[in-house]
Protein backbone atom coordinates (compact mmCIF):
# COMPACT_ATOMS: atom_id res chain seq x y z
CA MET A 1 0.00 0.00 0.00
CA SER A 2 1.37 3.41 -0.98
CA ALA A 3 2.21 5.87 1.74
CA PRO A 4 -0.30 8.77 1.99
CA LEU A 5 0.86 12.16 0.77
CA GLN A 6 1.33 14.97 3.22
CA ALA A 7 -0.44 18.28 2.55
CA ASP A 8 0.60 21.85 3.32
CA GLN A 9 -1.11 23.44 6.29
CA GLY A 10 -1.85 27.13 5.82
CA THR A 11 -3.70 29.68 7.91
CA SER A 12 -7.44 30.13 8.22
CA TYR A 13 -7.42 33.69 6.94
CA ALA A 14 -5.29 36.03 4.85
CA GLY A 15 -5.14 39.80 4.63
CA ILE A 16 -3.31 42.69 3.02
CA LEU A 17 -0.59 43.75 5.47
CA GLY A 18 0.98 46.67 3.61
CA ILE A 19 0.60 48.84 0.51
CA GLY A 20 3.26 50.72 -1.47
CA ALA A 21 3.36 52.83 -4.61
CA TYR A 22 5.73 54.43 -7.10
CA ARG A 23 4.74 57.28 -9.41
CA PRO A 24 6.98 58.51 -12.25
CA ALA A 25 8.73 61.82 -11.66
CA ARG A 26 7.50 63.28 -14.95
CA VAL A 27 3.96 64.62 -14.72
CA VAL A 28 2.35 65.17 -18.12
CA PRO A 29 -0.61 67.60 -18.32
CA ASN A 30 -3.32 67.34 -20.97
CA SER A 31 -1.75 70.30 -22.77
CA GLU A 32 1.17 68.05 -23.82
CA VAL A 33 -1.02 65.44 -25.51
CA VAL A 34 -3.87 67.43 -27.09
CA GLU A 35 -2.15 68.70 -30.24
CA ALA A 36 -1.23 65.27 -31.58
CA ILE A 37 -4.83 64.05 -31.24
CA ASP A 38 -6.62 67.28 -32.26
CA SER A 39 -8.29 67.56 -28.88
CA SER A 40 -8.52 69.88 -25.86
CA ASP A 41 -8.03 69.78 -22.11
CA GLU A 42 -11.77 70.33 -21.65
CA TRP A 43 -12.68 67.40 -23.93
CA ILE A 44 -10.28 65.02 -22.16
CA GLN A 45 -11.58 65.95 -18.73
CA GLN A 46 -15.21 65.59 -19.85
CA ARG A 47 -14.53 62.19 -21.42
CA SER A 48 -12.35 60.68 -18.70
CA GLY A 49 -11.75 63.02 -15.76
CA ILE A 50 -7.99 62.99 -16.44
CA LYS A 51 -5.97 66.17 -15.89
CA THR A 52 -2.43 64.76 -15.70
CA ARG A 53 -0.64 61.43 -15.93
CA GLY A 54 2.85 60.09 -15.21
CA PHE A 55 5.26 58.94 -17.93
CA ALA A 56 8.33 56.96 -16.90
CA ASP A 57 11.80 57.90 -18.08
CA ASP A 58 14.51 55.44 -19.13
CA SER A 59 15.60 54.83 -15.54
CA GLU A 60 12.06 54.12 -14.33
CA THR A 61 11.88 50.59 -15.64
CA ILE A 62 9.27 47.95 -14.83
CA VAL A 63 11.72 46.41 -12.37
CA ALA A 64 12.89 49.69 -10.81
CA MET A 65 9.35 51.02 -10.22
CA SER A 66 8.24 47.67 -8.82
CA VAL A 67 11.16 47.45 -6.41
CA ALA A 68 10.49 50.97 -5.10
CA ALA A 69 6.76 50.28 -4.55
CA SER A 70 7.54 46.91 -2.97
CA ARG A 71 9.99 48.33 -0.46
CA ASP A 72 7.29 50.70 0.79
CA ALA A 73 4.75 47.87 1.04
CA LEU A 74 7.17 45.59 2.89
CA ALA A 75 8.11 48.38 5.31
CA GLN A 76 4.46 49.11 6.09
CA ALA A 77 3.81 45.39 6.61
CA GLY A 78 6.90 44.94 8.79
CA VAL A 79 8.04 42.06 6.57
CA ASP A 80 11.68 41.49 5.62
CA PRO A 81 12.25 40.68 1.92
CA ARG A 82 13.84 37.38 2.98
CA GLN A 83 10.47 36.37 4.45
CA VAL A 84 8.71 36.70 1.09
CA ASP A 85 7.89 33.27 -0.32
CA CYS A 86 6.43 34.35 -3.66
CA VAL A 87 6.38 37.43 -5.91
CA VAL A 88 3.43 37.85 -8.29
CA VAL A 89 3.69 40.63 -10.88
CA ALA A 90 0.67 41.78 -12.89
CA THR A 91 1.69 43.60 -16.07
CA VAL A 92 1.16 43.73 -19.83
CA SER A 93 4.01 46.11 -20.61
CA HIS A 94 7.08 44.07 -19.61
CA LEU A 95 8.42 43.79 -23.14
CA LEU A 96 10.46 40.62 -22.66
CA GLN A 97 8.43 37.54 -23.47
CA THR A 98 10.67 35.70 -21.02
CA PRO A 99 12.02 35.68 -18.35
CA SER A 100 9.36 37.17 -16.13
CA ALA A 101 9.79 40.57 -14.51
CA ALA A 102 8.97 38.92 -11.19
CA THR A 103 12.21 36.94 -11.03
CA ALA A 104 14.33 40.06 -11.48
CA ILE A 105 12.26 41.96 -8.92
CA ALA A 106 12.55 39.15 -6.37
CA HIS A 107 16.33 39.20 -6.79
CA GLU A 108 16.63 43.00 -6.55
CA LEU A 109 14.58 43.02 -3.37
CA GLY A 110 16.84 40.44 -1.74
CA THR A 111 14.32 37.66 -1.27
CA ASP A 112 15.69 34.25 -0.37
CA GLY A 113 15.00 32.67 -3.77
CA ALA A 114 11.25 33.36 -3.67
CA ALA A 115 9.00 31.79 -6.29
CA ALA A 116 8.23 34.45 -8.88
CA PHE A 117 5.97 34.74 -11.92
CA ASP A 118 4.04 37.27 -14.00
CA VAL A 119 0.28 37.42 -14.53
CA SER A 120 -1.19 38.73 -17.80
CA ALA A 121 -4.74 39.79 -17.00
CA ALA A 122 -4.40 43.42 -18.12
CA CYS A 123 -6.18 45.92 -15.86
CA ALA A 124 -7.63 43.10 -13.74
CA GLY A 125 -4.19 41.64 -13.04
CA PHE A 126 -3.66 43.08 -9.56
CA CYS A 127 -6.96 41.71 -8.26
CA HIS A 128 -6.10 38.34 -9.81
CA GLY A 129 -2.78 38.50 -7.96
CA ILE A 130 -4.45 39.30 -4.62
CA THR A 131 -6.70 36.27 -5.08
CA LEU A 132 -3.79 33.98 -5.89
CA ALA A 133 -1.82 35.31 -2.92
CA SER A 134 -4.72 34.82 -0.52
CA ASP A 135 -5.17 31.24 -1.70
CA MET A 136 -1.42 30.55 -1.31
CA VAL A 137 -1.36 31.85 2.25
CA ARG A 138 -4.47 29.96 3.26
CA GLY A 139 -3.38 26.82 1.41
CA GLY A 140 0.08 26.77 2.94
CA SER A 141 2.27 27.12 -0.16
CA ALA A 142 3.43 30.56 1.04
CA ARG A 143 3.32 32.62 4.22
CA TYR A 144 4.03 36.05 2.73
CA VAL A 145 3.28 36.93 -0.89
CA LEU A 146 4.23 40.17 -2.61
CA VAL A 147 1.72 41.23 -5.26
CA ILE A 148 2.74 43.97 -7.70
CA GLY A 149 0.82 45.81 -10.40
CA VAL A 150 3.15 47.70 -12.72
CA GLU A 151 2.94 49.27 -16.18
CA ARG A 152 4.87 51.39 -18.64
CA LEU A 153 1.95 51.88 -21.00
CA SER A 154 3.60 54.93 -22.53
CA ASP A 155 5.85 52.45 -24.37
CA ILE A 156 2.91 50.81 -26.14
CA THR A 157 0.53 53.75 -26.63
CA SER A 158 0.33 55.61 -29.93
CA ARG A 159 0.69 59.36 -29.36
CA THR A 160 -1.67 60.01 -32.29
CA ASP A 161 -4.48 57.58 -31.37
CA ARG A 162 -7.34 59.85 -30.27
CA GLY A 163 -9.00 57.01 -28.37
CA THR A 164 -6.04 56.04 -26.17
CA ALA A 165 -3.24 58.65 -26.23
CA PHE A 166 -4.71 60.69 -23.36
CA ILE A 167 -5.71 57.69 -21.22
CA PHE A 168 -2.80 55.37 -20.54
CA ALA A 169 0.07 56.05 -18.15
CA ASP A 170 2.83 54.50 -16.03
CA GLY A 171 3.41 53.53 -12.41
CA ALA A 172 3.65 50.69 -9.90
CA GLY A 173 1.82 49.58 -6.79
CA ALA A 174 2.45 46.68 -4.43
CA ALA A 175 0.77 44.80 -1.60
CA VAL A 176 2.02 42.29 0.93
CA VAL A 177 -0.44 39.47 1.63
CA GLY A 178 0.03 37.30 4.70
CA PRO A 179 -1.71 35.56 7.60
CA SER A 180 -4.58 37.30 9.37
CA ASP A 181 -6.45 36.52 12.60
CA VAL A 182 -9.75 37.38 10.95
CA PRO A 183 -11.09 37.23 7.37
CA ALA A 184 -9.53 40.24 5.61
CA ILE A 185 -9.71 39.24 1.93
CA GLY A 186 -13.17 38.18 0.81
CA PRO A 187 -14.10 35.60 -1.82
CA VAL A 188 -13.30 36.64 -5.37
CA VAL A 189 -15.84 37.06 -8.14
CA TRP A 190 -13.91 36.81 -11.37
CA GLY A 191 -14.24 35.75 -14.97
CA SER A 192 -13.83 36.78 -18.58
CA ASP A 193 -15.90 37.63 -21.64
CA GLY A 194 -13.80 36.32 -24.50
CA GLU A 195 -16.56 37.02 -27.00
CA GLN A 196 -15.48 40.66 -26.72
CA TYR A 197 -11.77 39.84 -26.85
CA ASP A 198 -11.07 42.48 -29.52
CA LEU A 199 -12.45 45.50 -27.67
CA ILE A 200 -9.09 46.21 -25.99
CA ARG A 201 -6.02 44.66 -27.52
CA GLN A 202 -2.52 45.00 -28.87
CA ARG A 203 -3.13 46.27 -32.37
CA GLU A 204 -0.31 44.51 -34.24
CA ASP A 205 0.89 40.92 -34.02
CA TRP A 206 4.67 40.80 -33.44
CA ARG A 207 5.06 38.54 -36.50
CA ASP A 208 3.41 41.17 -38.69
CA VAL A 209 5.66 43.86 -37.22
CA ILE A 210 8.79 41.86 -37.98
CA ALA A 211 7.62 41.13 -41.53
CA SER A 212 6.73 44.76 -42.31
CA ASP A 213 8.91 47.15 -44.31
CA ALA A 214 8.84 49.75 -41.54
CA PRO A 215 8.52 47.95 -38.19
CA VAL A 216 7.05 49.97 -35.34
CA MET A 217 6.26 49.11 -31.73
CA PRO A 218 2.84 47.43 -31.42
CA HIS A 219 0.31 49.71 -29.75
CA LEU A 220 -2.80 49.29 -27.65
CA THR A 221 -6.15 49.97 -29.24
CA MET A 222 -9.58 50.24 -27.63
CA GLN A 223 -13.18 50.53 -28.76
CA GLY A 224 -14.07 53.06 -26.11
CA ASN A 225 -17.86 53.27 -26.42
CA GLU A 226 -18.31 49.51 -26.28
CA VAL A 227 -15.95 49.17 -23.32
CA PHE A 228 -17.76 51.98 -21.52
CA ARG A 229 -21.15 50.28 -21.89
CA TRP A 230 -19.81 46.89 -20.80
CA ALA A 231 -17.90 48.15 -17.77
CA SER A 232 -20.50 50.65 -16.56
CA PHE A 233 -23.28 48.11 -16.23
CA SER A 234 -21.87 44.57 -16.23
CA MET A 235 -19.22 45.37 -13.63
CA ALA A 236 -21.71 46.89 -11.19
CA LYS A 237 -23.37 43.47 -11.03
CA VAL A 238 -20.00 41.81 -10.39
CA ALA A 239 -19.24 44.31 -7.63
CA LEU A 240 -22.54 43.56 -5.90
CA GLN A 241 -21.85 39.83 -6.19
CA ALA A 242 -18.49 40.34 -4.46
CA LEU A 243 -20.19 42.22 -1.63
CA ASP A 244 -22.78 39.46 -1.29
CA ARG A 245 -20.16 36.71 -1.19
CA ALA A 246 -18.26 38.60 1.50
CA GLY A 247 -21.43 39.09 3.54
CA VAL A 248 -21.10 42.87 3.34
CA SER A 249 -23.89 45.29 2.43
CA VAL A 250 -23.35 48.55 0.57
CA ASP A 251 -24.21 50.35 3.82
CA GLN A 252 -21.31 48.57 5.58
CA LEU A 253 -18.81 49.57 2.90
CA ASP A 254 -16.31 52.34 3.69
CA CYS A 255 -14.35 52.62 0.43
CA PHE A 256 -14.92 51.80 -3.23
CA VAL A 257 -11.69 51.32 -5.20
CA PRO A 258 -12.47 50.52 -8.83
CA HIS A 259 -9.93 50.21 -11.62
CA GLN A 260 -9.10 53.77 -12.64
CA ALA A 261 -10.32 53.46 -16.22
CA ASN A 262 -12.60 56.45 -16.55
CA ASN A 263 -14.39 58.67 -14.04
CA ARG A 264 -17.63 58.33 -15.99
CA ILE A 265 -17.46 54.54 -15.63
CA THR A 266 -16.85 54.92 -11.90
CA ASP A 267 -19.84 57.27 -11.59
CA ALA A 268 -22.10 54.90 -13.56
CA MET A 269 -21.08 51.96 -11.38
CA ALA A 270 -21.66 53.92 -8.16
CA ARG A 271 -25.16 54.91 -9.33
CA SER A 272 -26.04 51.39 -10.41
CA MET A 273 -24.81 49.97 -7.09
CA LYS A 274 -26.68 52.70 -5.16
CA LEU A 275 -23.61 53.46 -3.07
CA PRO A 276 -24.49 55.57 0.01
CA PRO A 277 -22.96 59.05 0.30
CA HIS A 278 -20.61 57.98 3.10
CA VAL A 279 -18.71 55.54 0.83
CA ARG A 280 -15.42 57.15 -0.22
CA ILE A 281 -14.59 56.57 -3.90
CA ALA A 282 -11.09 56.42 -5.40
CA ARG A 283 -10.45 59.12 -8.03
CA ASP A 284 -6.72 58.65 -8.64
CA ILE A 285 -7.30 58.72 -12.42
CA VAL A 286 -7.58 62.52 -12.30
CA ASP A 287 -3.86 62.89 -11.62
CA ALA A 288 -2.46 59.48 -12.61
CA GLY A 289 -4.37 58.44 -15.73
CA ASN A 290 -5.17 54.79 -16.43
CA THR A 291 -2.23 52.68 -15.27
CA SER A 292 -3.89 49.32 -15.97
CA ALA A 293 -2.64 46.68 -13.50
CA ALA A 294 -1.10 49.39 -11.28
CA SER A 295 -4.24 51.48 -10.93
CA ILE A 296 -5.88 49.84 -7.91
CA PRO A 297 -2.81 49.74 -5.62
CA LEU A 298 -1.90 53.29 -6.68
CA ALA A 299 -5.44 54.48 -5.94
CA LEU A 300 -5.54 52.62 -2.64
CA ASP A 301 -2.19 54.07 -1.58
CA ARG A 302 -3.40 57.59 -2.35
CA MET A 303 -6.61 57.09 -0.38
CA MET A 304 -4.59 55.85 2.61
CA ARG A 305 -2.15 58.77 2.43
CA ASP A 306 -4.97 61.32 2.08
CA GLY A 307 -6.93 59.82 4.98
CA ASP A 308 -9.81 58.69 2.76
CA ALA A 309 -9.05 55.06 3.66
CA ARG A 310 -8.17 54.19 7.24
CA SER A 311 -6.83 51.04 8.83
CA GLY A 312 -9.69 48.62 9.42
CA ASP A 313 -11.96 50.15 6.78
CA VAL A 314 -13.86 47.77 4.50
CA ALA A 315 -13.05 48.37 0.83
CA LEU A 316 -14.43 46.90 -2.38
CA LEU A 317 -11.83 46.40 -5.12
CA ILE A 318 -12.92 45.72 -8.70
CA ALA A 319 -10.82 45.68 -11.85
CA PHE A 320 -11.68 45.01 -15.49
CA GLY A 321 -9.96 45.29 -18.83
CA ALA A 322 -8.61 43.55 -21.92
CA GLY A 323 -9.77 40.04 -22.46
CA LEU A 324 -12.35 41.06 -21.32
CA SER A 325 -11.23 39.94 -17.86
CA TYR A 326 -12.45 41.06 -14.46
CA ALA A 327 -12.09 40.36 -10.73
CA ALA A 328 -13.59 41.83 -7.55
CA GLN A 329 -13.12 41.23 -3.83
CA VAL A 330 -13.80 42.93 -0.52
CA VAL A 331 -10.71 43.60 1.64
CA THR A 332 -9.86 45.20 4.95
CA ILE A 333 -7.52 48.20 4.74
CA PRO A 334 -4.20 47.43 6.51
């Protein structure tokens, strides 16, 4: 008779223990992008709410921004890098197909050979990472997991595309997930709508770029009106499902931290969910633009620094983007 296998023993609950962020030094106002897309500051603000965004310089790489954000998150959590068992990086703008950005970040941070991998779920990537980290901690495959959302979307955005040039931006955010005495990361509601796969996508296939007479960097493209309709209404239902699964009512919610895609989408979701006036809503997009996988940790960090999110508050996170992929969960603010 074969010997029975032993199983890992994790903890009953997991929570976010620390948050960190890195924002590029260069702040780009709407006035710098309007001429190339025949637009205006007023039009951009009406369409999206964006006033400025951050563009990374050559020194602000995916790895460098991630390491800076991670150090802040680890310090807040009181966790030494050598205690980190796994590094999960959500990004679509790390331009090496392999190796992953996560392995380089884990090394730069000084982890003790932590497991490391990237997640490609576009704007929903950070929430996917939080879910994976929570399951690792509770399942016993890791005690402390570092989750990073990072993008350099300025590298893959066409400056002349009127539908995207004013939206996308750069930055990094990080969270440390570890054991908790009480439930602090609720059940995830996640999925994808592959039937609408083409609504947000890389415009050119790399093989076509290589075969062309004048190769150029592939760029992101988006069918804005269709994405707006899908996100504004479908995602409100997902958000309410996440609240229900966590056993939290809208009246018990303190903070709403949606992916910073568009202020009009955020407003439509809040109306559809009938959020009470006391719920504080993240509006980081106004100054930071849409940073895809980095947007939720960046927005959460700003709310914490500004006092709009306090330790122990109950927050609803929801992210959605290319794929079309989405994920939502209720968390307790560290």
